[in-house]
């Protein structure tokens, strides 16, 4: 592990800081490029991306602190010292950032689901780089394991699951999948549901469902970031995220949700009406 890449006297270049900058730069570039292709205002788009990323980072950290308050307490400096007290809840951060992006899209009268499609693609790339940084930083590892690919992280004796690398490979796969399917999902007959053109939002739905399933599975391999009364809220939130993604997929494909679809009720004819006829 390489938590510190470079030291010059008292100054240190932290691995995680470098990867965060790299992830933000590449993610923002992908988002800006895709939006520019669709002729959105470049300055407004970048401002929206910056605000959503900042809000997502704040919420991700705040939620983690809230559910681990016995560790942080009212030591405010520890809330901001991610190097000495690492930890975020990415699902909460993603939800906050996505909501911010959606609200800005509605405010600016953009196609909100097209913007979200571009955003989830850039987020997948950024999260790939973020998890690579966490691996090299030696934070966010999973439970102890005897599997051959287990890694002995700093200050540990036995190998642990390199959960950060699992997530990194997963998000890389998601990014490659979304980049490929972006140009073909409009030809999916099942998604168009009999319409001539498909609505935007497919990439957002696919991203939500994939992240929900994978995060739920990874909850068996690592300590919970959100736990209350013995309940692993990482699993609960993953389930809710998968439900939202599935509902969105149904909605954007033009289908009615099974529980919300309206059934046509035939009017009951009275005997008097039958006699009159």
Protein backbone atom coordinates (compact mmCIF):
# COMPACT_ATOMS: atom_id res chain seq x y z
CA UNK A 1 0.00 0.00 0.00
CA UNK A 2 1.08 3.55 -0.71
CA UNK A 3 -0.93 5.97 1.49
CA UNK A 4 1.70 8.67 0.86
CA UNK A 5 3.07 9.11 -2.65
CA UNK A 6 5.55 11.90 -1.99
CA UNK A 7 7.04 13.59 1.06
CA UNK A 8 9.00 16.83 0.97
CA UNK A 9 9.86 17.91 4.50
CA UNK A 10 6.59 18.37 6.40
CA UNK A 11 4.57 18.31 3.17
CA UNK A 12 2.98 15.07 2.01
CA UNK A 13 1.09 14.14 -1.15
CA UNK A 14 -1.58 11.67 -0.04
CA UNK A 15 -2.55 8.91 -2.45
CA UNK A 16 -6.26 9.32 -1.76
CA UNK A 17 -6.14 13.06 -2.43
CA UNK A 18 -4.46 12.51 -5.79
CA UNK A 19 -6.96 9.86 -6.86
CA UNK A 20 -9.88 12.05 -5.76
CA UNK A 21 -8.62 14.88 -7.94
CA UNK A 22 -8.02 12.54 -10.87
CA UNK A 23 -11.47 10.95 -10.48
CA UNK A 24 -13.20 14.31 -10.32
CA UNK A 25 -11.32 15.62 -13.36
CA UNK A 26 -12.04 12.60 -15.57
CA UNK A 27 -15.66 12.31 -14.44
CA UNK A 28 -16.33 16.00 -15.08
CA UNK A 29 -14.63 15.74 -18.49
CA UNK A 30 -16.84 12.80 -19.55
CA UNK A 31 -19.97 14.61 -18.35
CA UNK A 32 -18.99 17.87 -20.05
CA UNK A 33 -18.14 16.10 -23.33
CA UNK A 34 -21.44 14.19 -23.50
CA UNK A 35 -23.49 17.27 -22.65
CA UNK A 36 -21.62 19.37 -25.19
CA UNK A 37 -22.51 16.83 -27.89
CA UNK A 38 -26.16 17.53 -27.13
CA UNK A 39 -25.56 21.31 -27.16
CA UNK A 40 -26.22 22.06 -23.52
CA UNK A 41 -24.77 25.26 -22.07
CA UNK A 42 -21.23 24.29 -21.07
CA UNK A 43 -20.92 26.72 -18.18
CA UNK A 44 -24.31 25.81 -16.70
CA UNK A 45 -23.60 22.10 -17.07
CA UNK A 46 -20.25 22.33 -15.33
CA UNK A 47 -21.70 24.45 -12.52
CA UNK A 48 -24.41 21.83 -11.97
CA UNK A 49 -21.85 19.05 -11.92
CA UNK A 50 -19.67 20.91 -9.42
CA UNK A 51 -22.59 21.64 -7.09
CA UNK A 52 -23.85 18.04 -7.22
CA UNK A 53 -20.36 16.64 -6.55
CA UNK A 54 -19.84 18.97 -3.59
CA UNK A 55 -23.25 18.17 -2.11
CA UNK A 56 -22.71 14.44 -2.63
CA UNK A 57 -19.35 14.55 -0.84
CA UNK A 58 -20.82 16.46 2.10
CA UNK A 59 -23.80 14.13 2.48
CA UNK A 60 -21.67 11.00 2.11
CA UNK A 61 -19.40 12.15 4.92
CA UNK A 62 -22.21 13.52 7.12
CA UNK A 63 -24.24 10.32 6.97
CA UNK A 64 -21.18 8.24 7.86
CA UNK A 65 -20.40 10.49 10.83
CA UNK A 66 -24.03 10.38 11.99
CA UNK A 67 -24.12 6.58 12.06
CA UNK A 68 -20.67 6.38 13.68
CA UNK A 69 -21.08 9.25 16.11
CA UNK A 70 -19.64 7.22 19.00
CA UNK A 71 -16.29 7.37 17.16
CA UNK A 72 -16.39 11.03 16.16
CA UNK A 73 -18.41 12.66 18.91
CA UNK A 74 -18.32 16.45 18.94
CA UNK A 75 -14.66 16.63 17.87
CA UNK A 76 -15.39 18.79 14.85
CA UNK A 77 -11.84 18.55 13.49
CA UNK A 78 -12.21 14.77 13.16
CA UNK A 79 -15.26 15.30 10.95
CA UNK A 80 -13.05 16.94 8.33
CA UNK A 81 -9.88 14.89 8.86
CA UNK A 82 -10.56 12.12 6.34
CA UNK A 83 -6.93 11.02 6.45
CA UNK A 84 -6.96 10.16 10.17
CA UNK A 85 -10.68 9.28 10.33
CA UNK A 86 -11.60 7.83 6.93
CA UNK A 87 -15.12 6.86 5.97
CA UNK A 88 -18.01 7.90 3.73
CA UNK A 89 -21.30 6.41 2.64
CA UNK A 90 -21.19 6.46 -1.13
CA UNK A 91 -24.79 5.38 -1.65
CA UNK A 92 -26.08 8.36 0.36
CA UNK A 93 -23.65 10.66 -1.46
CA UNK A 94 -24.72 9.36 -4.87
CA UNK A 95 -28.38 9.84 -4.01
CA UNK A 96 -27.80 13.43 -2.91
CA UNK A 97 -25.68 14.26 -5.95
CA UNK A 98 -28.20 12.70 -8.35
CA UNK A 99 -31.07 14.61 -6.74
CA UNK A 100 -29.13 17.86 -7.04
CA UNK A 101 -28.39 17.17 -10.72
CA UNK A 102 -32.05 16.33 -11.36
CA UNK A 103 -33.29 19.54 -9.70
CA UNK A 104 -30.82 21.67 -11.67
CA UNK A 105 -31.90 19.99 -14.91
CA UNK A 106 -35.56 20.74 -14.18
CA UNK A 107 -34.69 24.31 -13.22
CA UNK A 108 -32.79 24.86 -16.48
CA UNK A 109 -35.52 23.08 -18.53
CA UNK A 110 -33.15 20.36 -19.76
CA UNK A 111 -34.08 16.78 -20.52
CA UNK A 112 -33.51 15.72 -16.93
CA UNK A 113 -33.15 12.00 -17.64
CA UNK A 114 -30.75 12.58 -20.51
CA UNK A 115 -28.60 14.68 -18.18
CA UNK A 116 -28.82 11.97 -15.50
CA UNK A 117 -27.80 9.35 -18.08
CA UNK A 118 -24.64 11.32 -18.78
CA UNK A 119 -24.11 11.89 -15.07
CA UNK A 120 -24.26 8.22 -14.06
CA UNK A 121 -21.78 7.37 -16.80
CA UNK A 122 -19.32 9.93 -15.48
CA UNK A 123 -20.02 8.87 -11.88
CA UNK A 124 -19.14 5.25 -12.73
CA UNK A 125 -15.75 6.35 -14.07
CA UNK A 126 -15.12 8.60 -11.06
CA UNK A 127 -16.01 5.81 -8.61
CA UNK A 128 -13.67 3.42 -10.40
CA UNK A 129 -10.78 5.78 -9.78
CA UNK A 130 -11.96 6.56 -6.23
CA UNK A 131 -11.93 2.88 -5.25
CA UNK A 132 -8.51 2.39 -6.81
CA UNK A 133 -7.30 5.20 -4.59
CA UNK A 134 -8.90 3.57 -1.53
CA UNK A 135 -7.10 0.32 -2.33
CA UNK A 136 -3.68 1.94 -2.58
CA UNK A 137 -4.47 4.03 0.48
CA UNK A 138 -5.23 0.87 2.43
CA UNK A 139 -8.69 1.97 3.62
CA UNK A 140 -12.13 0.44 3.18
CA UNK A 141 -11.04 -3.21 3.16
CA UNK A 142 -13.39 -6.09 3.94
CA UNK A 143 -13.45 -8.96 6.37
CA UNK A 144 -10.56 -11.36 6.91
CA UNK A 145 -10.31 -14.13 4.32
CA UNK A 146 -8.23 -17.21 3.50
CA UNK A 147 -8.81 -16.83 -0.22
CA UNK A 148 -5.61 -16.59 -2.31
CA UNK A 149 -6.34 -13.02 -3.43
CA UNK A 150 -6.68 -11.72 0.10
CA UNK A 151 -4.46 -8.71 0.85
CA UNK A 152 -2.60 -7.88 4.05
CA UNK A 153 -3.33 -4.19 4.55
CA UNK A 154 -1.26 -1.84 6.76
CA UNK A 155 -1.46 -2.52 10.51
CA UNK A 156 -3.11 -5.91 9.90
CA UNK A 157 -1.72 -9.40 10.32
CA UNK A 158 -4.05 -11.60 8.26
CA UNK A 159 -5.32 -11.11 4.69
CA UNK A 160 -8.60 -9.30 4.13
CA UNK A 161 -10.96 -9.01 1.20
CA UNK A 162 -9.76 -6.22 -1.12
CA UNK A 163 -13.31 -4.87 -1.35
CA UNK A 164 -12.02 -1.61 -2.81
CA UNK A 165 -10.63 -3.51 -5.81
CA UNK A 166 -13.89 -5.42 -6.20
CA UNK A 167 -15.74 -2.13 -6.38
CA UNK A 168 -13.12 -0.63 -8.71
CA UNK A 169 -13.49 -3.49 -11.21
CA UNK A 170 -17.26 -3.35 -10.88
CA UNK A 171 -17.49 0.37 -11.63
CA UNK A 172 -15.07 0.01 -14.53
CA UNK A 173 -17.36 -2.66 -15.96
CA UNK A 174 -20.41 -0.43 -15.41
CA UNK A 175 -18.71 2.48 -17.17
CA UNK A 176 -17.76 0.32 -20.17
CA UNK A 177 -21.26 -1.17 -20.33
CA UNK A 178 -23.01 2.22 -20.17
CA UNK A 179 -20.63 3.67 -22.78
CA UNK A 180 -21.46 0.82 -25.15
CA UNK A 181 -25.20 0.55 -24.57
CA UNK A 182 -25.73 4.32 -24.83
CA UNK A 183 -25.77 4.01 -28.62
CA UNK A 184 -27.96 0.91 -28.80
CA UNK A 185 -30.58 0.96 -26.03
CA UNK A 186 -32.96 2.96 -28.24
CA UNK A 187 -33.17 -0.10 -30.51
CA UNK A 188 -34.26 -2.40 -27.66
CA UNK A 189 -37.78 -3.45 -28.62
CA UNK A 190 -38.70 -4.38 -25.05
CA UNK A 191 -37.60 -0.95 -23.82
CA UNK A 192 -39.42 1.00 -26.54
CA UNK A 193 -42.59 -0.97 -25.71
CA UNK A 194 -44.15 -0.48 -29.13
CA UNK A 195 -43.12 3.16 -29.50
CA UNK A 196 -41.10 4.51 -32.41
CA UNK A 197 -38.49 6.09 -30.16
CA UNK A 198 -37.19 5.18 -26.72
CA UNK A 199 -37.17 7.63 -23.84
CA UNK A 200 -34.01 8.64 -22.04
CA UNK A 201 -33.38 7.25 -18.57
CA UNK A 202 -32.28 3.74 -19.50
CA UNK A 203 -28.68 4.33 -18.41
CA UNK A 204 -29.82 5.81 -15.09
CA UNK A 205 -32.09 2.83 -14.42
CA UNK A 206 -29.40 0.30 -15.33
CA UNK A 207 -26.86 2.08 -13.13
CA UNK A 208 -29.17 2.11 -10.11
CA UNK A 209 -30.05 -1.56 -10.43
CA UNK A 210 -26.46 -2.68 -10.96
CA UNK A 211 -25.13 -0.63 -8.06
CA UNK A 212 -27.94 -1.86 -5.79
CA UNK A 213 -27.27 -5.53 -6.50
CA UNK A 214 -23.50 -5.31 -6.21
CA UNK A 215 -23.54 -3.18 -3.07
CA UNK A 216 -25.98 -5.60 -1.44
CA UNK A 217 -23.67 -8.53 -2.21
CA UNK A 218 -20.59 -6.69 -0.98
CA UNK A 219 -22.33 -6.06 2.35
CA UNK A 220 -21.59 -9.71 3.17
CA UNK A 221 -17.85 -9.12 2.73
CA UNK A 222 -17.26 -5.88 4.63
CA UNK A 223 -18.35 -4.09 7.80
CA UNK A 224 -21.45 -1.94 7.47
CA UNK A 225 -20.92 1.78 7.03
CA UNK A 226 -24.48 2.35 8.28
CA UNK A 227 -25.64 0.20 11.18
CA UNK A 228 -28.32 0.87 13.77
CA UNK A 229 -29.82 -1.51 16.34
CA UNK A 230 -27.93 -4.35 14.73
CA UNK A 231 -29.47 -3.68 11.31
CA UNK A 232 -27.17 -3.32 8.33
CA UNK A 233 -28.64 -0.28 6.63
CA UNK A 234 -26.25 -0.71 3.69
CA UNK A 235 -28.43 -3.65 2.67
CA UNK A 236 -31.66 -1.74 3.31
CA UNK A 237 -30.57 1.22 1.21
CA UNK A 238 -29.34 -1.10 -1.55
CA UNK A 239 -32.75 -2.74 -1.65
CA UNK A 240 -34.50 0.62 -1.88
CA UNK A 241 -32.09 1.74 -4.60
CA UNK A 242 -32.82 -1.38 -6.62
CA UNK A 243 -36.56 -0.80 -6.23
CA UNK A 244 -36.24 2.80 -7.43
CA UNK A 245 -34.15 1.68 -10.42
CA UNK A 246 -36.66 -1.00 -11.39
CA UNK A 247 -39.61 1.38 -11.08
CA UNK A 248 -37.78 3.96 -13.15
CA UNK A 249 -37.00 1.38 -15.83
CA UNK A 250 -40.67 0.42 -16.07
CA UNK A 251 -41.77 4.05 -16.13
CA UNK A 252 -39.30 5.23 -18.75
CA UNK A 253 -40.06 2.26 -21.01
CA UNK A 254 -43.68 3.43 -21.12
CA UNK A 255 -45.07 0.56 -19.10
CA UNK A 256 -47.43 0.94 -16.19
CA UNK A 257 -46.18 -0.29 -12.85
CA UNK A 258 -48.09 -3.43 -11.82
CA UNK A 259 -49.22 -2.03 -8.45
CA UNK A 260 -50.02 1.43 -9.77
CA UNK A 261 -51.75 0.62 -13.04
CA UNK A 262 -55.40 1.54 -13.19
CA UNK A 263 -57.83 -1.22 -14.00
CA UNK A 264 -60.82 -0.36 -16.12
CA UNK A 265 -63.98 -1.05 -14.21
CA UNK A 266 -67.09 -1.90 -16.20
CA UNK A 267 -70.12 0.07 -15.03
CA UNK A 268 -72.74 -2.06 -13.30
CA UNK A 269 -75.97 -2.14 -15.25
CA UNK A 270 -79.15 -2.01 -13.23
CA UNK A 271 -82.21 -4.07 -14.01
CA UNK A 272 -84.15 -0.87 -14.70
CA UNK A 273 -81.67 0.08 -17.47
CA UNK A 274 -82.04 -3.36 -19.02
CA UNK A 275 -85.84 -3.03 -19.00
CA UNK A 276 -85.71 0.43 -20.59
CA UNK A 277 -83.57 -0.90 -23.40
